[in-house]
Amino acid sequence: MTAGEVVFACRDLRYSYLGRFPALDGVSLDIRRGEKVALLGPNGCGKSTLLKLLDGLIFPDSGTFTAFGQEVTEDNLEDEQFSAGFRSRVGFVFQNSDTQVFSPTVREEVAFGCLQLGMSVMETAARVDDVLAMLDISDLADRAPFQLSGGQKKRVAIASVLVMNPQVLLFDEPTAALDPRTQAWLIELIGQLGAAGKTIVLATHDLDALDAIADRCLVFAENHTIAHAGAPGEILADRDLLLRANLIHERSRVTF
């Protein structure tokens, strides 16, 4: 794919939990290769649901989702070749690392995805060593996940995705519940991944980091639609929009 080419195309996506609780109500958007796109909005507006759809974890009740020029459906993902191609190109870092990190050791956790995709043990081991070194967690390789701090678990979760070298990275509230030092490290990493050509889509409430982690923002409304799209500077300068989207309180005096 060439720079600027559409990676994800979503058209009129609708999704309700249990068929009764709307999460997305007619959402359409394009994500282009090399973009860093932030999804903003109040809790429950549909940001995490959209990320799950983009990762093929759930499927829309109606509308279409196309990735890399092919429609992503439950039937298509049951095809082994299609699924392997899609899974190798899209990686998802969940908000809660405990839901993502489950293997007996860090090394096994990071190796899991590569082995599931049929890579050789030798290639997998080399990739694991490289990504552990890149994220400065080689010393954790033989530790059990339950022995790790929250920040360490986050690094392991990211390593388990980066080891497969996906083209697209999805992050759900990446800086939530992290200490300031780990937050700063992760913000810098996201910038480096974007500079390396990765396509990044992330849901966040971290307005302070918006300029560093995104070059386009999609603001969700409480009615599960996209209310506005624009550059970070444009979004942060629109106090009325931030108030309507419940991203700041009316008493807030923050400036960005």
C-alpha atoms as a PDB file:
ATOM      1  CA  MET A   1       0.000   0.000   0.000  1.00  0.00           C
ATOM      2  CA  THR A   2       1.145   3.548  -0.697  1.00  0.00           C
ATOM      3  CA  ALA A   3       1.190   6.452   1.749  1.00  0.00           C
ATOM      4  CA  GLY A   4      -2.214   8.075   2.035  1.00  0.00           C
ATOM      5  CA  GLU A   5      -4.061   5.065   0.656  1.00  0.00           C
ATOM      6  CA  VAL A   6      -7.238   4.131   2.534  1.00  0.00           C
ATOM      7  CA  VAL A   7      -6.521   1.314   4.992  1.00  0.00           C
ATOM      8  CA  PHE A   8      -9.925   1.177   6.708  1.00  0.00           C
ATOM      9  CA  ALA A   9     -13.237   2.301   5.203  1.00  0.00           C
ATOM     10  CA  CYS A  10     -16.336   2.291   7.409  1.00  0.00           C
ATOM     11  CA  ARG A  11     -19.749   3.073   5.963  1.00  0.00           C
ATOM     12  CA  ASP A  12     -22.860   3.665   8.070  1.00  0.00           C
ATOM     13  CA  LEU A  13     -21.799   1.320  10.858  1.00  0.00           C
ATOM     14  CA  ARG A  14     -24.466   0.487  13.395  1.00  0.00           C
ATOM     15  CA  TYR A  15     -24.025  -1.714  16.422  1.00  0.00           C
ATOM     16  CA  SER A  16     -26.084  -2.367  19.540  1.00  0.00           C
ATOM     17  CA  TYR A  17     -25.226  -4.542  22.511  1.00  0.00           C
ATOM     18  CA  LEU A  18     -27.837  -7.241  23.112  1.00  0.00           C
ATOM     19  CA  GLY A  19     -29.773  -5.650  20.257  1.00  0.00           C
ATOM     20  CA  ARG A  20     -31.028  -2.956  22.637  1.00  0.00           C
ATOM     21  CA  PHE A  21     -28.188  -0.687  23.703  1.00  0.00           C
ATOM     22  CA  PRO A  22     -26.817   1.403  20.806  1.00  0.00           C
ATOM     23  CA  ALA A  23     -23.058   1.896  20.650  1.00  0.00           C
ATOM     24  CA  LEU A  24     -22.623   3.087  17.045  1.00  0.00           C
ATOM     25  CA  ASP A  25     -25.390   4.761  15.084  1.00  0.00           C
ATOM     26  CA  GLY A  26     -24.446   5.431  11.478  1.00  0.00           C
ATOM     27  CA  VAL A  27     -20.686   5.959  11.769  1.00  0.00           C
ATOM     28  CA  SER A  28     -18.715   6.497   8.552  1.00  0.00           C
ATOM     29  CA  LEU A  29     -14.993   7.222   8.300  1.00  0.00           C
ATOM     30  CA  ASP A  30     -11.795   6.499   6.394  1.00  0.00           C
ATOM     31  CA  ILE A  31      -8.407   5.806   7.944  1.00  0.00           C
ATOM     32  CA  ARG A  32      -5.448   6.370   5.634  1.00  0.00           C
ATOM     33  CA  ARG A  33      -2.076   4.712   5.746  1.00  0.00           C
ATOM     34  CA  GLY A  34       0.371   6.497   8.046  1.00  0.00           C
ATOM     35  CA  GLU A  35      -2.281   8.514   9.894  1.00  0.00           C
ATOM     36  CA  LYS A  36      -2.476   8.882  13.651  1.00  0.00           C
ATOM     37  CA  VAL A  37      -6.194   9.220  14.433  1.00  0.00           C
ATOM     38  CA  ALA A  38      -7.565   9.940  17.894  1.00  0.00           C
ATOM     39  CA  LEU A  39     -11.120   8.983  18.854  1.00  0.00           C
ATOM     40  CA  LEU A  40     -12.473  11.422  21.431  1.00  0.00           C
ATOM     41  CA  GLY A  41     -15.715  11.519  23.343  1.00  0.00           C
ATOM     42  CA  PRO A  42     -17.461  10.678  26.608  1.00  0.00           C
ATOM     43  CA  ASN A  43     -17.557   7.221  28.143  1.00  0.00           C
ATOM     44  CA  GLY A  44     -20.087   4.987  26.410  1.00  0.00           C
ATOM     45  CA  CYS A  45     -20.139   6.940  23.140  1.00  0.00           C
ATOM     46  CA  GLY A  46     -18.784   4.083  21.003  1.00  0.00           C
ATOM     47  CA  LYS A  47     -15.007   4.611  20.831  1.00  0.00           C
ATOM     48  CA  SER A  48     -14.038   1.207  22.212  1.00  0.00           C
ATOM     49  CA  THR A  49     -16.772  -0.483  20.196  1.00  0.00           C
ATOM     50  CA  LEU A  50     -15.367   1.016  17.006  1.00  0.00           C
ATOM     51  CA  LEU A  51     -11.871  -0.236  17.888  1.00  0.00           C
ATOM     52  CA  LYS A  52     -13.247  -3.747  18.416  1.00  0.00           C
ATOM     53  CA  LEU A  53     -14.931  -3.574  15.018  1.00  0.00           C
ATOM     54  CA  LEU A  54     -11.695  -2.413  13.399  1.00  0.00           C
ATOM     55  CA  ASP A  55      -9.949  -5.411  14.980  1.00  0.00           C
ATOM     56  CA  GLY A  56     -12.578  -7.890  13.806  1.00  0.00           C
ATOM     57  CA  LEU A  57     -13.570  -8.830  17.351  1.00  0.00           C
ATOM     58  CA  ILE A  58     -17.202  -7.895  16.765  1.00  0.00           C
ATOM     59  CA  PHE A  59     -19.182  -7.185  13.608  1.00  0.00           C
ATOM     60  CA  PRO A  60     -21.660  -4.426  12.762  1.00  0.00           C
ATOM     61  CA  ASP A  61     -25.403  -5.020  12.823  1.00  0.00           C
ATOM     62  CA  SER A  62     -25.490  -3.092   9.547  1.00  0.00           C
ATOM     63  CA  GLY A  63     -23.108  -1.109   7.377  1.00  0.00           C
ATOM     64  CA  THR A  64     -19.764  -2.211   5.952  1.00  0.00           C
ATOM     65  CA  PHE A  65     -16.173  -2.317   7.175  1.00  0.00           C
ATOM     66  CA  THR A  66     -13.443  -2.718   4.561  1.00  0.00           C
ATOM     67  CA  ALA A  67      -9.768  -3.276   5.449  1.00  0.00           C
ATOM     68  CA  PHE A  68      -6.941  -3.231   2.906  1.00  0.00           C
ATOM     69  CA  GLY A  69      -9.505  -3.280   0.104  1.00  0.00           C
ATOM     70  CA  GLN A  70     -11.487  -6.298   1.338  1.00  0.00           C
ATOM     71  CA  GLU A  71     -14.687  -6.370   3.362  1.00  0.00           C
ATOM     72  CA  VAL A  72     -14.252  -7.758   6.862  1.00  0.00           C
ATOM     73  CA  THR A  73     -17.111 -10.033   7.876  1.00  0.00           C
ATOM     74  CA  GLU A  74     -17.514 -12.919  10.279  1.00  0.00           C
ATOM     75  CA  ASP A  75     -17.626 -15.331   7.333  1.00  0.00           C
ATOM     76  CA  ASN A  76     -14.455 -13.899   5.800  1.00  0.00           C
ATOM     77  CA  LEU A  77     -12.559 -14.163   9.079  1.00  0.00           C
ATOM     78  CA  GLU A  78     -13.469 -17.832   9.278  1.00  0.00           C
ATOM     79  CA  ASP A  79     -11.361 -18.295   6.131  1.00  0.00           C
ATOM     80  CA  GLU A  80      -7.891 -19.255   7.369  1.00  0.00           C
ATOM     81  CA  GLN A  81      -5.952 -17.347   4.716  1.00  0.00           C
ATOM     82  CA  PHE A  82      -8.021 -14.175   5.046  1.00  0.00           C
ATOM     83  CA  SER A  83      -7.859 -14.314   8.841  1.00  0.00           C
ATOM     84  CA  ALA A  84      -4.091 -14.820   8.940  1.00  0.00           C
ATOM     85  CA  GLY A  85      -3.556 -11.888   6.561  1.00  0.00           C
ATOM     86  CA  PHE A  86      -5.822  -9.589   8.541  1.00  0.00           C
ATOM     87  CA  ARG A  87      -4.492 -10.608  11.978  1.00  0.00           C
ATOM     88  CA  SER A  88      -0.893 -10.120  10.893  1.00  0.00           C
ATOM     89  CA  ARG A  89      -1.602  -6.571   9.715  1.00  0.00           C
ATOM     90  CA  VAL A  90      -3.718  -5.251  12.612  1.00  0.00           C
ATOM     91  CA  GLY A  91      -2.709  -5.198  16.287  1.00  0.00           C
ATOM     92  CA  PHE A  92      -4.828  -4.134  19.265  1.00  0.00           C
ATOM     93  CA  VAL A  93      -3.494  -2.951  22.637  1.00  0.00           C
ATOM     94  CA  PHE A  94      -6.340  -3.141  25.157  1.00  0.00           C
ATOM     95  CA  GLN A  95      -6.919  -0.596  27.901  1.00  0.00           C
ATOM     96  CA  ASN A  96      -6.601  -3.196  30.648  1.00  0.00           C
ATOM     97  CA  SER A  97      -3.391  -5.175  30.154  1.00  0.00           C
ATOM     98  CA  ASP A  98      -4.668  -7.932  32.463  1.00  0.00           C
ATOM     99  CA  THR A  99      -7.168  -8.929  29.760  1.00  0.00           C
ATOM    100  CA  GLN A 100      -4.362  -9.258  27.207  1.00  0.00           C
ATOM    101  CA  VAL A 101      -1.437 -10.732  29.146  1.00  0.00           C
ATOM    102  CA  PHE A 102      -2.176 -14.311  30.147  1.00  0.00           C
ATOM    103  CA  SER A 103       0.788 -16.618  29.392  1.00  0.00           C
ATOM    104  CA  PRO A 104       3.007 -18.164  32.107  1.00  0.00           C
ATOM    105  CA  THR A 105       6.003 -15.951  31.245  1.00  0.00           C
ATOM    106  CA  VAL A 106       6.646 -12.709  29.425  1.00  0.00           C
ATOM    107  CA  ARG A 107       8.659 -14.496  26.729  1.00  0.00           C
ATOM    108  CA  GLU A 108       5.788 -16.915  26.050  1.00  0.00           C
ATOM    109  CA  GLU A 109       3.306 -14.054  26.022  1.00  0.00           C
ATOM    110  CA  VAL A 110       5.225 -12.084  23.417  1.00  0.00           C
ATOM    111  CA  ALA A 111       5.795 -15.206  21.299  1.00  0.00           C
ATOM    112  CA  PHE A 112       2.160 -16.307  21.337  1.00  0.00           C
ATOM    113  CA  GLY A 113       0.853 -14.318  18.354  1.00  0.00           C
ATOM    114  CA  CYS A 114       3.738 -15.222  16.044  1.00  0.00           C
ATOM    115  CA  LEU A 115       3.370 -18.926  16.799  1.00  0.00           C
ATOM    116  CA  GLN A 116      -0.392 -18.733  16.249  1.00  0.00           C
ATOM    117  CA  LEU A 117       0.262 -17.254  12.807  1.00  0.00           C
ATOM    118  CA  GLY A 118       2.516 -20.170  11.929  1.00  0.00           C
ATOM    119  CA  MET A 119       5.945 -18.529  12.194  1.00  0.00           C
ATOM    120  CA  SER A 120       8.861 -20.827  12.928  1.00  0.00           C
ATOM    121  CA  VAL A 121      10.209 -21.158  16.449  1.00  0.00           C
ATOM    122  CA  MET A 122      13.540 -19.692  15.309  1.00  0.00           C
ATOM    123  CA  GLU A 123      12.008 -16.627  13.655  1.00  0.00           C
ATOM    124  CA  THR A 124       9.671 -16.112  16.593  1.00  0.00           C
ATOM    125  CA  ALA A 125      12.533 -16.267  19.103  1.00  0.00           C
ATOM    126  CA  ALA A 126      14.513 -13.681  17.128  1.00  0.00           C
ATOM    127  CA  ARG A 127      11.519 -11.361  16.919  1.00  0.00           C
ATOM    128  CA  VAL A 128      10.812 -11.737  20.635  1.00  0.00           C
ATOM    129  CA  ASP A 129      14.391 -10.895  21.568  1.00  0.00           C
ATOM    130  CA  ASP A 130      14.335  -7.838  19.292  1.00  0.00           C
ATOM    131  CA  VAL A 131      11.074  -6.389  20.618  1.00  0.00           C
ATOM    132  CA  LEU A 132      11.954  -7.053  24.262  1.00  0.00           C
ATOM    133  CA  ALA A 133      15.203  -5.166  23.739  1.00  0.00           C
ATOM    134  CA  MET A 134      13.450  -2.344  21.869  1.00  0.00           C
ATOM    135  CA  LEU A 135      11.009  -1.815  24.744  1.00  0.00           C
ATOM    136  CA  ASP A 136      13.767  -2.270  27.365  1.00  0.00           C
ATOM    137  CA  ILE A 137      12.116  -5.250  29.060  1.00  0.00           C
ATOM    138  CA  SER A 138      14.569  -8.043  28.260  1.00  0.00           C
ATOM    139  CA  ASP A 139      15.127  -8.476  31.995  1.00  0.00           C
ATOM    140  CA  LEU A 140      11.435  -9.400  32.377  1.00  0.00           C
ATOM    141  CA  ALA A 141      11.511 -12.245  29.839  1.00  0.00           C
ATOM    142  CA  ASP A 142      11.271 -15.077  32.369  1.00  0.00           C
ATOM    143  CA  ARG A 143       8.984 -13.309  34.822  1.00  0.00           C
ATOM    144  CA  ALA A 144       5.341 -14.252  35.281  1.00  0.00           C
ATOM    145  CA  PRO A 145       2.868 -11.500  34.324  1.00  0.00           C
ATOM    146  CA  PHE A 146       1.340 -11.441  37.825  1.00  0.00           C
ATOM    147  CA  GLN A 147       4.756 -10.346  39.127  1.00  0.00           C
ATOM    148  CA  LEU A 148       4.764  -7.204  36.993  1.00  0.00           C
ATOM    149  CA  SER A 149       3.688  -3.641  37.731  1.00  0.00           C
ATOM    150  CA  GLY A 150       0.948  -1.985  35.709  1.00  0.00           C
ATOM    151  CA  GLY A 151       3.495  -0.132  33.577  1.00  0.00           C
ATOM    152  CA  GLN A 152       5.491  -3.297  32.950  1.00  0.00           C
ATOM    153  CA  LYS A 153       2.344  -5.173  31.926  1.00  0.00           C
ATOM    154  CA  LYS A 154       1.546  -2.379  29.474  1.00  0.00           C
ATOM    155  CA  ARG A 155       4.980  -2.744  27.891  1.00  0.00           C
ATOM    156  CA  VAL A 156       4.505  -6.503  27.612  1.00  0.00           C
ATOM    157  CA  ALA A 157       1.066  -6.035  26.018  1.00  0.00           C
ATOM    158  CA  ILE A 158       2.567  -3.632  23.484  1.00  0.00           C
ATOM    159  CA  ALA A 159       5.457  -6.026  22.835  1.00  0.00           C
ATOM    160  CA  SER A 160       3.012  -8.870  22.141  1.00  0.00           C
ATOM    161  CA  VAL A 161       1.519  -6.722  19.362  1.00  0.00           C
ATOM    162  CA  LEU A 162       4.674  -5.113  17.944  1.00  0.00           C
ATOM    163  CA  VAL A 163       6.406  -8.487  17.628  1.00  0.00           C
ATOM    164  CA  MET A 164       4.134  -9.264  14.653  1.00  0.00           C
ATOM    165  CA  ASN A 165       5.072  -5.964  12.975  1.00  0.00           C
ATOM    166  CA  PRO A 166       1.482  -4.975  12.108  1.00  0.00           C
ATOM    167  CA  GLN A 167       0.731  -2.161   9.691  1.00  0.00           C
ATOM    168  CA  VAL A 168      -2.079  -0.802  11.888  1.00  0.00           C
ATOM    169  CA  LEU A 169      -1.997  -0.342  15.662  1.00  0.00           C
ATOM    170  CA  LEU A 170      -5.160   0.171  17.697  1.00  0.00           C
ATOM    171  CA  PHE A 171      -4.881   1.546  21.246  1.00  0.00           C
ATOM    172  CA  ASP A 172      -7.742   1.798  23.742  1.00  0.00           C
ATOM    173  CA  GLU A 173      -6.985   4.537  26.312  1.00  0.00           C
ATOM    174  CA  PRO A 174      -3.236   3.852  26.122  1.00  0.00           C
ATOM    175  CA  THR A 175      -2.173   6.247  28.903  1.00  0.00           C
ATOM    176  CA  ALA A 176      -4.958   5.431  31.373  1.00  0.00           C
ATOM    177  CA  ALA A 177      -3.873   4.349  34.882  1.00  0.00           C
ATOM    178  CA  LEU A 178      -0.163   4.774  34.122  1.00  0.00           C
ATOM    179  CA  ASP A 179       2.296   6.785  36.197  1.00  0.00           C
ATOM    180  CA  PRO A 180       3.647   9.999  34.612  1.00  0.00           C
ATOM    181  CA  ARG A 181       6.973   8.466  33.580  1.00  0.00           C
ATOM    182  CA  THR A 182       5.317   5.526  31.825  1.00  0.00           C
ATOM    183  CA  GLN A 183       2.782   7.859  30.213  1.00  0.00           C
ATOM    184  CA  ALA A 184       5.604   9.986  28.802  1.00  0.00           C
ATOM    185  CA  TRP A 185       7.400   6.865  27.528  1.00  0.00           C
ATOM    186  CA  LEU A 186       4.269   5.599  25.799  1.00  0.00           C
ATOM    187  CA  ILE A 187       3.448   8.959  24.218  1.00  0.00           C
ATOM    188  CA  GLU A 188       6.984   9.090  22.815  1.00  0.00           C
ATOM    189  CA  LEU A 189       6.692   5.507  21.553  1.00  0.00           C
ATOM    190  CA  ILE A 190       3.427   6.246  19.744  1.00  0.00           C
ATOM    191  CA  GLY A 191       5.104   9.209  18.067  1.00  0.00           C
ATOM    192  CA  GLN A 192       8.039   7.033  17.004  1.00  0.00           C
ATOM    193  CA  LEU A 193       5.730   4.351  15.617  1.00  0.00           C
ATOM    194  CA  GLY A 194       3.859   6.987  13.638  1.00  0.00           C
ATOM    195  CA  ALA A 195       7.127   8.410  12.307  1.00  0.00           C
ATOM    196  CA  ALA A 196       8.076   4.875  11.222  1.00  0.00           C
ATOM    197  CA  GLY A 197       4.970   4.745   9.030  1.00  0.00           C
ATOM    198  CA  LYS A 198       2.570   2.813  11.230  1.00  0.00           C
ATOM    199  CA  THR A 199      -1.126   3.666  11.005  1.00  0.00           C
ATOM    200  CA  ILE A 200      -2.425   4.361  14.505  1.00  0.00           C
ATOM    201  CA  VAL A 201      -6.004   4.640  15.766  1.00  0.00           C
ATOM    202  CA  LEU A 202      -6.496   5.310  19.452  1.00  0.00           C
ATOM    203  CA  ALA A 203      -9.300   6.135  21.843  1.00  0.00           C
ATOM    204  CA  THR A 204      -8.241   8.632  24.477  1.00  0.00           C
ATOM    205  CA  HIS A 205      -9.316  11.213  27.045  1.00  0.00           C
ATOM    206  CA  ASP A 206      -5.751  12.535  27.321  1.00  0.00           C
ATOM    207  CA  LEU A 207      -6.144  15.980  25.768  1.00  0.00           C
ATOM    208  CA  ASP A 208      -2.728  17.127  26.999  1.00  0.00           C
ATOM    209  CA  ALA A 209      -1.013  14.548  24.784  1.00  0.00           C
ATOM    210  CA  LEU A 210      -3.232  15.031  21.748  1.00  0.00           C
ATOM    211  CA  ASP A 211      -0.762  17.039  19.663  1.00  0.00           C
ATOM    212  CA  ALA A 212       1.897  14.358  20.172  1.00  0.00           C
ATOM    213  CA  ILE A 213      -0.209  11.261  19.504  1.00  0.00           C
ATOM    214  CA  ALA A 214      -2.593  12.359  16.735  1.00  0.00           C
ATOM    215  CA  ASP A 215      -2.703  14.339  13.533  1.00  0.00           C
ATOM    216  CA  ARG A 216      -6.498  13.970  13.131  1.00  0.00           C
ATOM    217  CA  CYS A 217      -9.294  13.693  15.679  1.00  0.00           C
ATOM    218  CA  LEU A 218     -12.801  12.258  15.444  1.00  0.00           C
ATOM    219  CA  VAL A 219     -15.102  13.537  18.182  1.00  0.00           C
ATOM    220  CA  PHE A 220     -17.978  11.249  19.134  1.00  0.00           C
ATOM    221  CA  ALA A 221     -21.231  12.595  20.514  1.00  0.00           C
ATOM    222  CA  GLU A 222     -23.278  10.967  23.242  1.00  0.00           C
ATOM    223  CA  ASN A 223     -25.769   9.812  20.573  1.00  0.00           C
ATOM    224  CA  HIS A 224     -23.067   7.429  19.183  1.00  0.00           C
ATOM    225  CA  THR A 225     -22.352   9.423  16.034  1.00  0.00           C
ATOM    226  CA  ILE A 226     -19.266  11.373  14.937  1.00  0.00           C
ATOM    227  CA  ALA A 227     -19.986  15.003  15.739  1.00  0.00           C
ATOM    228  CA  HIS A 228     -16.822  16.613  14.411  1.00  0.00           C
ATOM    229  CA  ALA A 229     -13.487  15.863  12.771  1.00  0.00           C
ATOM    230  CA  GLY A 230     -10.405  18.035  12.664  1.00  0.00           C
ATOM    231  CA  ALA A 231      -6.773  18.552  13.562  1.00  0.00           C
ATOM    232  CA  PRO A 232      -5.819  18.464  17.261  1.00  0.00           C
ATOM    233  CA  GLY A 233      -5.254  22.211  17.415  1.00  0.00           C
ATOM    234  CA  GLU A 234      -8.685  22.907  15.936  1.00  0.00           C
ATOM    235  CA  ILE A 235     -10.412  20.542  18.364  1.00  0.00           C
ATOM    236  CA  LEU A 236      -8.582  21.837  21.444  1.00  0.00           C
ATOM    237  CA  ALA A 237      -9.381  25.456  20.536  1.00  0.00           C
ATOM    238  CA  ASP A 238     -13.124  24.756  20.376  1.00  0.00           C
ATOM    239  CA  ARG A 239     -14.202  24.956  24.010  1.00  0.00           C
ATOM    240  CA  ASP A 240     -17.900  24.626  23.153  1.00  0.00           C
ATOM    241  CA  LEU A 241     -17.192  21.391  21.275  1.00  0.00           C
ATOM    242  CA  LEU A 242     -15.155  20.013  24.187  1.00  0.00           C
ATOM    243  CA  LEU A 243     -17.988  20.852  26.573  1.00  0.00           C
ATOM    244  CA  ARG A 244     -20.654  19.252  24.351  1.00  0.00           C
ATOM    245  CA  ALA A 245     -18.525  16.146  24.006  1.00  0.00           C
ATOM    246  CA  ASN A 246     -18.056  15.989  27.796  1.00  0.00           C
ATOM    247  CA  LEU A 247     -14.286  16.163  27.391  1.00  0.00           C
ATOM    248  CA  ILE A 248     -13.958  19.084  29.808  1.00  0.00           C
ATOM    249  CA  HIS A 249     -16.157  20.458  32.599  1.00  0.00           C
ATOM    250  CA  GLU A 250     -17.750  23.872  32.310  1.00  0.00           C
ATOM    251  CA  ARG A 251     -15.622  25.025  35.265  1.00  0.00           C
ATOM    252  CA  SER A 252     -12.422  23.873  33.602  1.00  0.00           C
ATOM    253  CA  ARG A 253      -9.897  26.596  32.919  1.00  0.00           C
ATOM    254  CA  VAL A 254      -7.405  24.424  31.111  1.00  0.00           C
ATOM    255  CA  THR A 255      -5.626  25.762  28.071  1.00  0.00           C
ATOM    256  CA  PHE A 256      -3.868  23.618  25.491  1.00  0.00           C
END
